[in-house]
Amino acid sequence: ALLNSQLEMKACAFEATCGQAELSSMDDMLPVFVFILVRSPLRSPLACARLLQDALTPDQRIDTEGRAVLMLESAAVYVADEWDVSDLSPSSSWGGAPLL
């Protein structure tokens, strides 16, 4: 599902810009991924990322699957470290929910 999400993000960005821009690197995708993650119902994204990382084989960790899990972990760490989640509305998925 994580890989499908990345492909969908790339396709939507390409379509929204009428083919003028695409998400080609992790630096391009991370801000979009952070936005989607914060809006998602996922309650403990960092724990999910670590569980997924543990489930990957060594070959998967250095391939597309590993990069997708790294994106999830990076987005979760960024939000946990840089955002004041106490300011999020109570209806937000992370409002009061554990980040780890």
C-alpha atoms as a PDB file:
ATOM      1  CA  ALA A   1       0.000   0.000   0.000  1.00  0.00           C
ATOM      2  CA  LEU A   2       2.889   2.350   0.766  1.00  0.00           C
ATOM      3  CA  LEU A   3       4.355   1.893  -2.715  1.00  0.00           C
ATOM      4  CA  ASN A   4       0.955   2.484  -4.277  1.00  0.00           C
ATOM      5  CA  SER A   5       0.659   5.723  -2.311  1.00  0.00           C
ATOM      6  CA  GLN A   6       3.980   6.931  -3.684  1.00  0.00           C
ATOM      7  CA  LEU A   7       2.947   6.111  -7.244  1.00  0.00           C
ATOM      8  CA  GLU A   8      -0.373   7.869  -6.745  1.00  0.00           C
ATOM      9  CA  MET A   9       1.382  10.983  -5.379  1.00  0.00           C
ATOM     10  CA  LYS A  10       3.678  11.066  -8.411  1.00  0.00           C
ATOM     11  CA  ALA A  11       0.785  10.626 -10.834  1.00  0.00           C
ATOM     12  CA  CYS A  12      -1.319  13.320  -9.160  1.00  0.00           C
ATOM     13  CA  ALA A  13       1.546  15.836  -9.158  1.00  0.00           C
ATOM     14  CA  PHE A  14       2.271  15.135 -12.816  1.00  0.00           C
ATOM     15  CA  GLU A  15      -1.413  15.507 -13.722  1.00  0.00           C
ATOM     16  CA  ALA A  16      -1.923  18.649 -11.605  1.00  0.00           C
ATOM     17  CA  THR A  17       0.961  20.389 -13.375  1.00  0.00           C
ATOM     18  CA  CYS A  18      -0.172  19.241 -16.833  1.00  0.00           C
ATOM     19  CA  GLY A  19       3.045  17.290 -17.203  1.00  0.00           C
ATOM     20  CA  GLN A  20       5.280  20.267 -16.376  1.00  0.00           C
ATOM     21  CA  ALA A  21       6.630  18.841 -13.096  1.00  0.00           C
ATOM     22  CA  GLU A  22       7.000  15.498 -11.440  1.00  0.00           C
ATOM     23  CA  LEU A  23       8.055  14.175  -8.074  1.00  0.00           C
ATOM     24  CA  SER A  24      11.318  12.523  -8.972  1.00  0.00           C
ATOM     25  CA  SER A  25      13.372  12.542  -5.773  1.00  0.00           C
ATOM     26  CA  MET A  26      12.709  11.947  -2.105  1.00  0.00           C
ATOM     27  CA  ASP A  27      13.281  15.668  -1.507  1.00  0.00           C
ATOM     28  CA  ASP A  28      10.439  16.423  -3.915  1.00  0.00           C
ATOM     29  CA  MET A  29       8.125  13.862  -2.363  1.00  0.00           C
ATOM     30  CA  LEU A  30       8.731  14.446   1.349  1.00  0.00           C
ATOM     31  CA  PRO A  31       6.652  17.651   1.726  1.00  0.00           C
ATOM     32  CA  VAL A  32       3.717  16.034  -0.051  1.00  0.00           C
ATOM     33  CA  PHE A  33       4.133  12.874   2.009  1.00  0.00           C
ATOM     34  CA  VAL A  34       4.188  14.906   5.265  1.00  0.00           C
ATOM     35  CA  PHE A  35       0.937  16.610   4.282  1.00  0.00           C
ATOM     36  CA  ILE A  36      -0.745  13.317   3.440  1.00  0.00           C
ATOM     37  CA  LEU A  37       0.579  11.641   6.584  1.00  0.00           C
ATOM     38  CA  VAL A  38      -0.743  14.380   8.861  1.00  0.00           C
ATOM     39  CA  ARG A  39      -4.154  14.155   7.196  1.00  0.00           C
ATOM     40  CA  SER A  40      -4.237  10.351   7.430  1.00  0.00           C
ATOM     41  CA  PRO A  41      -5.903   8.337  10.196  1.00  0.00           C
ATOM     42  CA  LEU A  42      -2.574   6.661  11.020  1.00  0.00           C
ATOM     43  CA  ARG A  43      -2.122   7.007  14.798  1.00  0.00           C
ATOM     44  CA  SER A  44       1.483   5.859  15.281  1.00  0.00           C
ATOM     45  CA  PRO A  45       3.345   6.346  12.010  1.00  0.00           C
ATOM     46  CA  LEU A  46       6.833   5.999  13.456  1.00  0.00           C
ATOM     47  CA  ALA A  47       5.961   2.690  15.093  1.00  0.00           C
ATOM     48  CA  CYS A  48       4.455   1.527  11.790  1.00  0.00           C
ATOM     49  CA  ALA A  49       7.597   2.524   9.899  1.00  0.00           C
ATOM     50  CA  ARG A  50       9.819   0.646  12.327  1.00  0.00           C
ATOM     51  CA  LEU A  51       7.612  -2.432  12.151  1.00  0.00           C
ATOM     52  CA  LEU A  52       7.682  -2.328   8.356  1.00  0.00           C
ATOM     53  CA  GLN A  53      11.461  -1.860   8.383  1.00  0.00           C
ATOM     54  CA  ASP A  54      11.863  -4.924  10.590  1.00  0.00           C
ATOM     55  CA  ALA A  55       9.681  -6.955   8.226  1.00  0.00           C
ATOM     56  CA  LEU A  56      11.797  -6.157   5.155  1.00  0.00           C
ATOM     57  CA  THR A  57      14.538  -8.427   3.918  1.00  0.00           C
ATOM     58  CA  PRO A  58      18.022  -6.923   3.506  1.00  0.00           C
ATOM     59  CA  ASP A  59      17.474  -6.729  -0.272  1.00  0.00           C
ATOM     60  CA  GLN A  60      14.104  -4.989   0.156  1.00  0.00           C
ATOM     61  CA  ARG A  61      15.639  -2.435   2.530  1.00  0.00           C
ATOM     62  CA  ILE A  62      17.878  -1.114  -0.240  1.00  0.00           C
ATOM     63  CA  ASP A  63      15.209  -1.290  -2.942  1.00  0.00           C
ATOM     64  CA  THR A  64      11.960   0.555  -3.596  1.00  0.00           C
ATOM     65  CA  GLU A  65      10.233  -0.924  -0.554  1.00  0.00           C
ATOM     66  CA  GLY A  66      12.976   0.316   1.752  1.00  0.00           C
ATOM     67  CA  ARG A  67      12.835   3.801   0.283  1.00  0.00           C
ATOM     68  CA  ALA A  68       9.062   3.905   0.827  1.00  0.00           C
ATOM     69  CA  VAL A  69       9.469   2.913   4.479  1.00  0.00           C
ATOM     70  CA  LEU A  70      12.266   5.472   4.879  1.00  0.00           C
ATOM     71  CA  MET A  71       9.916   8.141   3.503  1.00  0.00           C
ATOM     72  CA  LEU A  72       7.272   7.197   6.083  1.00  0.00           C
ATOM     73  CA  GLU A  73       9.830   7.242   8.890  1.00  0.00           C
ATOM     74  CA  SER A  74      11.310  10.568   7.750  1.00  0.00           C
ATOM     75  CA  ALA A  75       7.896  12.205   7.536  1.00  0.00           C
ATOM     76  CA  ALA A  76       6.892  10.887  10.963  1.00  0.00           C
ATOM     77  CA  VAL A  77      10.139  12.055  12.583  1.00  0.00           C
ATOM     78  CA  TYR A  78       9.832  15.472  10.935  1.00  0.00           C
ATOM     79  CA  VAL A  79       6.295  15.967  12.236  1.00  0.00           C
ATOM     80  CA  ALA A  80       7.189  14.690  15.719  1.00  0.00           C
ATOM     81  CA  ASP A  81      10.279  16.913  15.992  1.00  0.00           C
ATOM     82  CA  GLU A  82       9.266  20.069  14.142  1.00  0.00           C
ATOM     83  CA  TRP A  83       5.501  20.479  14.536  1.00  0.00           C
ATOM     84  CA  ASP A  84       3.615  21.578  17.613  1.00  0.00           C
ATOM     85  CA  VAL A  85       0.959  18.892  17.391  1.00  0.00           C
ATOM     86  CA  SER A  86      -0.885  20.331  20.377  1.00  0.00           C
ATOM     87  CA  ASP A  87      -2.118  23.069  18.011  1.00  0.00           C
ATOM     88  CA  LEU A  88      -3.860  20.558  15.764  1.00  0.00           C
ATOM     89  CA  SER A  89      -7.622  20.466  16.025  1.00  0.00           C
ATOM     90  CA  PRO A  90      -9.232  17.700  18.108  1.00  0.00           C
ATOM     91  CA  SER A  91     -10.689  16.215  14.920  1.00  0.00           C
ATOM     92  CA  SER A  92      -7.195  15.830  13.471  1.00  0.00           C
ATOM     93  CA  SER A  93      -5.843  12.308  13.370  1.00  0.00           C
ATOM     94  CA  TRP A  94      -2.770  13.317  15.393  1.00  0.00           C
ATOM     95  CA  GLY A  95      -4.569  15.560  17.875  1.00  0.00           C
ATOM     96  CA  GLY A  96      -3.607  13.941  21.156  1.00  0.00           C
ATOM     97  CA  ALA A  97      -2.621  10.681  19.472  1.00  0.00           C
ATOM     98  CA  PRO A  98       0.787   9.181  20.216  1.00  0.00           C
ATOM     99  CA  LEU A  99       3.397   9.833  17.549  1.00  0.00           C
ATOM    100  CA  LEU A 100       5.706   6.990  18.519  1.00  0.00           C
END
